[in-house]
């Protein structure tokens, strides 16, 4: 069908497809994904949606002791 239609009809059909591609490119998709993730994180829903279990952040004492043990092990 595309081979037999007039150039004008081809242009008319291509216009909406090009507009769709212009509006829905990879950059817009990635930005939308990041914004959605940020909204979920802000609401505290990200772990529920992804199934991840978030541990509380380690205490400063724990971080220091882990660092010290690894430093000693590397010496």
PDB file of N, CA and C in Angstrom:
ATOM      1  N   UNK A   1       0.829  -1.192   0.000  1.00  0.00           N
ATOM      2  CA  UNK A   1       0.000   0.000   0.000  1.00  0.00           C
ATOM      3  C   UNK A   1       0.875   1.258   0.000  1.00  0.00           C
ATOM      4  N   UNK A   2       1.940   1.264   0.794  1.00  0.00           N
ATOM      5  CA  UNK A   2       2.801   2.444   0.862  1.00  0.00           C
ATOM      6  C   UNK A   2       3.490   2.705  -0.468  1.00  0.00           C
ATOM      7  N   UNK A   3       3.755   1.642  -1.223  1.00  0.00           N
ATOM      8  CA  UNK A   3       4.451   1.813  -2.501  1.00  0.00           C
ATOM      9  C   UNK A   3       3.560   2.446  -3.557  1.00  0.00           C
ATOM     10  N   UNK A   4       2.267   2.307  -3.425  1.00  0.00           N
ATOM     11  CA  UNK A   4       1.369   2.824  -4.459  1.00  0.00           C
ATOM     12  C   UNK A   4       0.713   4.152  -4.083  1.00  0.00           C
ATOM     13  N   UNK A   5       0.850   4.601  -2.851  1.00  0.00           N
ATOM     14  CA  UNK A   5       0.201   5.865  -2.473  1.00  0.00           C
ATOM     15  C   UNK A   5       1.021   7.062  -2.952  1.00  0.00           C
ATOM     16  N   UNK A   6       0.363   8.159  -3.063  1.00  0.00           N
ATOM     17  CA  UNK A   6       1.019   9.376  -3.551  1.00  0.00           C
ATOM     18  C   UNK A   6       2.011   9.901  -2.513  1.00  0.00           C
ATOM     19  N   UNK A   7       3.011  10.649  -2.966  1.00  0.00           N
ATOM     20  CA  UNK A   7       3.961  11.249  -2.021  1.00  0.00           C
ATOM     21  C   UNK A   7       3.263  12.133  -0.979  1.00  0.00           C
ATOM     22  N   UNK A   8       2.212  12.817  -1.382  1.00  0.00           N
ATOM     23  CA  UNK A   8       1.471  13.667  -0.438  1.00  0.00           C
ATOM     24  C   UNK A   8       0.829  12.821   0.668  1.00  0.00           C
ATOM     25  N   UNK A   9       0.229  11.702   0.300  1.00  0.00           N
ATOM     26  CA  UNK A   9      -0.382  10.831   1.304  1.00  0.00           C
ATOM     27  C   UNK A   9       0.692  10.220   2.209  1.00  0.00           C
ATOM     28  N   UNK A  10       1.832   9.883   1.639  1.00  0.00           N
ATOM     29  CA  UNK A  10       2.941   9.361   2.449  1.00  0.00           C
ATOM     30  C   UNK A  10       3.365  10.385   3.501  1.00  0.00           C
ATOM     31  N   UNK A  11       3.482  11.648   3.079  1.00  0.00           N
ATOM     32  CA  UNK A  11       3.860  12.709   4.022  1.00  0.00           C
ATOM     33  C   UNK A  11       2.811  12.869   5.121  1.00  0.00           C
ATOM     34  N   UNK A  12       1.531  12.845   4.720  1.00  0.00           N
ATOM     35  CA  UNK A  12       0.455  12.995   5.703  1.00  0.00           C
ATOM     36  C   UNK A  12       0.454  11.859   6.723  1.00  0.00           C
ATOM     37  N   UNK A  13       0.774  10.662   6.294  1.00  0.00           N
ATOM     38  CA  UNK A  13       0.813   9.524   7.216  1.00  0.00           C
ATOM     39  C   UNK A  13       2.067   9.547   8.086  1.00  0.00           C
ATOM     40  N   UNK A  14       3.152  10.046   7.547  1.00  0.00           N
ATOM     41  CA  UNK A  14       4.404  10.092   8.301  1.00  0.00           C
ATOM     42  C   UNK A  14       4.373  11.155   9.393  1.00  0.00           C
ATOM     43  N   UNK A  15       3.656  12.236   9.167  1.00  0.00           N
ATOM     44  CA  UNK A  15       3.636  13.346  10.121  1.00  0.00           C
ATOM     45  C   UNK A  15       3.248  12.901  11.538  1.00  0.00           C
ATOM     46  N   UNK A  16       2.136  12.199  11.735  1.00  0.00           N
ATOM     47  CA  UNK A  16       1.793  11.784  13.110  1.00  0.00           C
ATOM     48  C   UNK A  16       2.805  10.792  13.698  1.00  0.00           C
ATOM     49  N   UNK A  17       3.370   9.917  12.853  1.00  0.00           N
ATOM     50  CA  UNK A  17       4.368   8.972  13.371  1.00  0.00           C
ATOM     51  C   UNK A  17       5.614   9.703  13.842  1.00  0.00           C
ATOM     52  N   UNK A  18       6.051  10.677  13.070  1.00  0.00           N
ATOM     53  CA  UNK A  18       7.231  11.452  13.477  1.00  0.00           C
ATOM     54  C   UNK A  18       6.958  12.249  14.744  1.00  0.00           C
ATOM     55  N   UNK A  19       5.765  12.775  14.865  1.00  0.00           N
ATOM     56  CA  UNK A  19       5.389  13.520  16.075  1.00  0.00           C
ATOM     57  C   UNK A  19       5.417  12.594  17.297  1.00  0.00           C
ATOM     58  N   UNK A  20       4.915  11.388  17.127  1.00  0.00           N
ATOM     59  CA  UNK A  20       4.939  10.412  18.220  1.00  0.00           C
ATOM     60  C   UNK A  20       6.365  10.106  18.635  1.00  0.00           C
ATOM     61  N   UNK A  21       7.232   9.892  17.675  1.00  0.00           N
ATOM     62  CA  UNK A  21       8.637   9.593  17.970  1.00  0.00           C
ATOM     63  C   UNK A  21       9.315  10.792  18.623  1.00  0.00           C
ATOM     64  N   UNK A  22       9.018  11.983  18.148  1.00  0.00           N
ATOM     65  CA  UNK A  22       9.609  13.189  18.729  1.00  0.00           C
ATOM     66  C   UNK A  22       9.188  13.349  20.193  1.00  0.00           C
ATOM     67  N   UNK A  23       7.944  13.018  20.490  1.00  0.00           N
ATOM     68  CA  UNK A  23       7.433  13.188  21.853  1.00  0.00           C
ATOM     69  C   UNK A  23       7.746  12.024  22.784  1.00  0.00           C
ATOM     70  N   UNK A  24       8.102  10.882  22.245  1.00  0.00           N
ATOM     71  CA  UNK A  24       8.315   9.685  23.063  1.00  0.00           C
ATOM     72  C   UNK A  24       9.684   9.077  22.798  1.00  0.00           C
ATOM     73  N   UNK A  25      10.720   9.867  22.961  1.00  0.00           N
ATOM     74  CA  UNK A  25      12.065   9.360  22.719  1.00  0.00           C
ATOM     75  C   UNK A  25      12.655   8.765  23.990  1.00  0.00           C
ATOM     76  N   UNK A  26      13.846   8.210  23.870  1.00  0.00           N
ATOM     77  CA  UNK A  26      14.476   7.520  24.997  1.00  0.00           C
ATOM     78  C   UNK A  26      14.770   8.480  26.155  1.00  0.00           C
ATOM     79  N   UNK A  27      15.063   9.722  25.851  1.00  0.00           N
ATOM     80  CA  UNK A  27      15.363  10.692  26.906  1.00  0.00           C
ATOM     81  C   UNK A  27      14.120  10.989  27.741  1.00  0.00           C
ATOM     82  N   UNK A  28      13.004  11.140  27.067  1.00  0.00           N
ATOM     83  CA  UNK A  28      11.762  11.395  27.791  1.00  0.00           C
ATOM     84  C   UNK A  28      11.355  10.168  28.605  1.00  0.00           C
ATOM     85  N   UNK A  29      11.543   8.976  28.021  1.00  0.00           N
ATOM     86  CA  UNK A  29      11.231   7.738  28.735  1.00  0.00           C
ATOM     87  C   UNK A  29      12.094   7.618  29.993  1.00  0.00           C
ATOM     88  N   UNK A  30      13.411   7.839  29.857  1.00  0.00           N
ATOM     89  CA  UNK A  30      14.319   7.728  31.005  1.00  0.00           C
ATOM     90  C   UNK A  30      13.961   8.767  32.069  1.00  0.00           C
ATOM     91  N   UNK A  31      13.692   9.985  31.633  1.00  0.00           N
ATOM     92  CA  UNK A  31      13.311  11.030  32.580  1.00  0.00           C
ATOM     93  C   UNK A  31      12.041  10.673  33.329  1.00  0.00           C
ATOM     94  N   UNK A  32      11.085  10.119  32.623  1.00  0.00           N
ATOM     95  CA  UNK A  32       9.830   9.709  33.246  1.00  0.00           C
ATOM     96  C   UNK A  32      10.062   8.601  34.271  1.00  0.00           C
ATOM     97  N   UNK A  33      10.921   7.642  33.923  1.00  0.00           N
ATOM     98  CA  UNK A  33      11.231   6.553  34.859  1.00  0.00           C
ATOM     99  C   UNK A  33      11.896   7.101  36.121  1.00  0.00           C
ATOM    100  N   UNK A  34      12.838   8.027  35.948  1.00  0.00           N
ATOM    101  CA  UNK A  34      13.539   8.590  37.101  1.00  0.00           C
ATOM    102  C   UNK A  34      12.599   9.407  37.986  1.00  0.00           C
ATOM    103  N   UNK A  35      11.719  10.177  37.360  1.00  0.00           N
ATOM    104  CA  UNK A  35      10.752  10.954  38.144  1.00  0.00           C
ATOM    105  C   UNK A  35       9.806  10.037  38.915  1.00  0.00           C
ATOM    106  N   UNK A  36       9.352   8.967  38.267  1.00  0.00           N
ATOM    107  CA  UNK A  36       8.478   8.020  38.960  1.00  0.00           C
ATOM    108  C   UNK A  36       9.194   7.387  40.147  1.00  0.00           C
ATOM    109  N   UNK A  37      10.449   6.988  39.945  1.00  0.00           N
ATOM    110  CA  UNK A  37      11.217   6.379  41.042  1.00  0.00           C
ATOM    111  C   UNK A  37      11.409   7.376  42.182  1.00  0.00           C
ATOM    112  N   UNK A  38      11.674   8.630  41.837  1.00  0.00           N
ATOM    113  CA  UNK A  38      11.863   9.654  42.873  1.00  0.00           C
ATOM    114  C   UNK A  38      10.570   9.868  43.657  1.00  0.00           C
ATOM    115  N   UNK A  39       9.435   9.880  42.953  1.00  0.00           N
ATOM    116  CA  UNK A  39       8.151  10.041  43.643  1.00  0.00           C
ATOM    117  C   UNK A  39       7.877   8.863  44.575  1.00  0.00           C
ATOM    118  N   UNK A  40       8.161   7.656  44.084  1.00  0.00           N
ATOM    119  CA  UNK A  40       7.954   6.471  44.923  1.00  0.00           C
ATOM    120  C   UNK A  40       8.858   6.500  46.144  1.00  0.00           C
ATOM    121  N   UNK A  41      10.115   6.886  45.933  1.00  0.00           N
ATOM    122  CA  UNK A  41      11.057   6.936  47.052  1.00  0.00           C
ATOM    123  C   UNK A  41      10.584   7.969  48.077  1.00  0.00           C
ATOM    124  N   UNK A  42      10.124   9.111  47.587  1.00  0.00           N
ATOM    125  CA  UNK A  42       9.672  10.168  48.494  1.00  0.00           C
ATOM    126  C   UNK A  42       8.475   9.693  49.317  1.00  0.00           C
ATOM    127  N   UNK A  43       7.596   8.935  48.690  1.00  0.00           N
ATOM    128  CA  UNK A  43       6.428   8.417  49.405  1.00  0.00           C
ATOM    129  C   UNK A  43       6.765   7.194  50.237  1.00  0.00           C
ATOM    130  N   UNK A  44       7.952   6.640  50.042  1.00  0.00           N
ATOM    131  CA  UNK A  44       8.348   5.447  50.779  1.00  0.00           C
ATOM    132  C   UNK A  44       7.822   4.166  50.166  1.00  0.00           C
ATOM    133  N   UNK A  45       7.382   4.238  48.913  1.00  0.00           N
ATOM    134  CA  UNK A  45       6.794   3.072  48.258  1.00  0.00           C
ATOM    135  C   UNK A  45       7.777   2.298  47.393  1.00  0.00           C
ATOM    136  N   UNK A  46       8.980   2.800  47.191  1.00  0.00           N
ATOM    137  CA  UNK A  46       9.894   2.166  46.242  1.00  0.00           C
ATOM    138  C   UNK A  46      10.220   0.736  46.653  1.00  0.00           C
ATOM    139  N   UNK A  47      10.492   0.515  47.919  1.00  0.00           N
ATOM    140  CA  UNK A  47      10.820  -0.836  48.367  1.00  0.00           C
ATOM    141  C   UNK A  47       9.634  -1.786  48.187  1.00  0.00           C
ATOM    142  N   UNK A  48       8.444  -1.297  48.435  1.00  0.00           N
ATOM    143  CA  UNK A  48       7.256  -2.136  48.275  1.00  0.00           C
ATOM    144  C   UNK A  48       7.065  -2.521  46.813  1.00  0.00           C
ATOM    145  N   UNK A  49       7.268  -1.575  45.902  1.00  0.00           N
ATOM    146  CA  UNK A  49       7.073  -1.830  44.476  1.00  0.00           C
ATOM    147  C   UNK A  49       8.137  -2.774  43.941  1.00  0.00           C
ATOM    148  N   UNK A  50       9.382  -2.581  44.334  1.00  0.00           N
ATOM    149  CA  UNK A  50      10.479  -3.388  43.806  1.00  0.00           C
ATOM    150  C   UNK A  50      10.668  -4.677  44.576  1.00  0.00           C
ATOM    151  N   UNK A  51      10.063  -4.800  45.748  1.00  0.00           N
ATOM    152  CA  UNK A  51      10.250  -5.983  46.563  1.00  0.00           C
ATOM    153  C   UNK A  51      11.544  -5.952  47.351  1.00  0.00           C
ATOM    154  N   UNK A  52      12.237  -4.847  47.310  1.00  0.00           N
ATOM    155  CA  UNK A  52      13.510  -4.733  48.027  1.00  0.00           C
ATOM    156  C   UNK A  52      13.243  -4.543  49.514  1.00  0.00           C
ATOM    157  N   UNK A  53      14.138  -5.056  50.282  1.00  0.00           N
ATOM    158  CA  UNK A  53      14.071  -4.857  51.729  1.00  0.00           C
ATOM    159  C   UNK A  53      15.173  -3.886  52.076  1.00  0.00           C
ATOM    160  N   UNK A  54      14.792  -2.742  52.588  1.00  0.00           N
ATOM    161  CA  UNK A  54      15.832  -1.766  52.901  1.00  0.00           C
ATOM    162  C   UNK A  54      16.232  -1.895  54.356  1.00  0.00           C
ATOM    163  N   UNK A  55      17.516  -2.097  54.534  1.00  0.00           N
ATOM    164  CA  UNK A  55      18.072  -2.144  55.876  1.00  0.00           C
ATOM    165  C   UNK A  55      18.289  -0.723  56.352  1.00  0.00           C
ATOM    166  N   UNK A  56      18.215  -0.514  57.642  1.00  0.00           N
ATOM    167  CA  UNK A  56      18.530   0.826  58.135  1.00  0.00           C
ATOM    168  C   UNK A  56      19.997   1.129  57.850  1.00  0.00           C
ATOM    169  N   UNK A  57      20.336   2.379  57.655  1.00  0.00           N
ATOM    170  CA  UNK A  57      21.734   2.711  57.376  1.00  0.00           C
ATOM    171  C   UNK A  57      22.621   2.296  58.542  1.00  0.00           C
ATOM    172  N   UNK A  58      23.849   1.856  58.246  1.00  0.00           N
ATOM    173  CA  UNK A  58      24.739   1.441  59.328  1.00  0.00           C
ATOM    174  C   UNK A  58      25.112   2.631  60.202  1.00  0.00           C
ATOM    175  N   UNK A  59      25.369   2.331  61.465  1.00  0.00           N
ATOM    176  CA  UNK A  59      25.777   3.400  62.373  1.00  0.00           C
ATOM    177  C   UNK A  59      27.218   3.794  62.060  1.00  0.00           C
ATOM    178  N   UNK A  60      27.600   4.953  62.503  1.00  0.00           N
ATOM    179  CA  UNK A  60      28.968   5.437  62.287  1.00  0.00           C
ATOM    180  C   UNK A  60      29.966   4.477  62.918  1.00  0.00           C
ATOM    181  N   UNK A  61      29.655   3.973  64.101  1.00  0.00           N
ATOM    182  CA  UNK A  61      30.560   3.032  64.774  1.00  0.00           C
ATOM    183  C   UNK A  61      30.761   1.769  63.945  1.00  0.00           C
ATOM    184  N   UNK A  62      29.691   1.253  63.362  1.00  0.00           N
ATOM    185  CA  UNK A  62      29.817   0.056  62.530  1.00  0.00           C
ATOM    186  C   UNK A  62      30.671   0.322  61.303  1.00  0.00           C
ATOM    187  N   UNK A  63      30.475   1.452  60.660  1.00  0.00           N
ATOM    188  CA  UNK A  63      31.257   1.792  59.472  1.00  0.00           C
ATOM    189  C   UNK A  63      32.729   1.908  59.833  1.00  0.00           C
ATOM    190  N   UNK A  64      33.031   2.562  60.933  1.00  0.00           N
ATOM    191  CA  UNK A  64      34.423   2.728  61.360  1.00  0.00           C
ATOM    192  C   UNK A  64      35.045   1.373  61.666  1.00  0.00           C
ATOM    193  N   UNK A  65      34.324   0.503  62.365  1.00  0.00           N
ATOM    194  CA  UNK A  65      34.902  -0.801  62.705  1.00  0.00           C
ATOM    195  C   UNK A  65      35.123  -1.656  61.457  1.00  0.00           C
ATOM    196  N   UNK A  66      34.215  -1.607  60.504  1.00  0.00           N
ATOM    197  CA  UNK A  66      34.406  -2.341  59.246  1.00  0.00           C
ATOM    198  C   UNK A  66      35.624  -1.803  58.514  1.00  0.00           C
ATOM    199  N   UNK A  67      35.752  -0.496  58.446  1.00  0.00           N
ATOM    200  CA  UNK A  67      36.904   0.122  57.785  1.00  0.00           C
ATOM    201  C   UNK A  67      38.203  -0.312  58.461  1.00  0.00           C
ATOM    202  N   UNK A  68      38.227  -0.284  59.773  1.00  0.00           N
ATOM    203  CA  UNK A  68      39.435  -0.663  60.522  1.00  0.00           C
ATOM    204  C   UNK A  68      39.802  -2.122  60.263  1.00  0.00           C
ATOM    205  N   UNK A  69      38.819  -3.009  60.290  1.00  0.00           N
ATOM    206  CA  UNK A  69      39.104  -4.435  60.045  1.00  0.00           C
ATOM    207  C   UNK A  69      39.671  -4.644  58.647  1.00  0.00           C
ATOM    208  N   UNK A  70      39.119  -3.983  57.665  1.00  0.00           N
ATOM    209  CA  UNK A  70      39.609  -4.154  56.292  1.00  0.00           C
ATOM    210  C   UNK A  70      40.980  -3.530  56.114  1.00  0.00           C
ATOM    211  N   UNK A  71      41.201  -2.416  56.780  1.00  0.00           N
ATOM    212  CA  UNK A  71      42.513  -1.765  56.688  1.00  0.00           C
ATOM    213  C   UNK A  71      43.580  -2.674  57.285  1.00  0.00           C
ATOM    214  N   UNK A  72      43.283  -3.273  58.421  1.00  0.00           N
ATOM    215  CA  UNK A  72      44.233  -4.185  59.071  1.00  0.00           C
ATOM    216  C   UNK A  72      44.452  -5.412  58.188  1.00  0.00           C
ATOM    217  N   UNK A  73      43.394  -5.937  57.599  1.00  0.00           N
ATOM    218  CA  UNK A  73      43.513  -7.125  56.752  1.00  0.00           C
ATOM    219  C   UNK A  73      44.355  -6.852  55.513  1.00  0.00           C
ATOM    220  N   UNK A  74      44.335  -5.624  55.025  1.00  0.00           N
ATOM    221  CA  UNK A  74      45.098  -5.281  53.813  1.00  0.00           C
ATOM    222  C   UNK A  74      46.564  -5.000  54.125  1.00  0.00           C
ATOM    223  N   UNK A  75      46.918  -4.761  55.383  1.00  0.00           N
ATOM    224  CA  UNK A  75      48.306  -4.422  55.692  1.00  0.00           C
ATOM    225  C   UNK A  75      49.165  -5.646  55.823  1.00  0.00           C
TER     226      UNK A  75
END
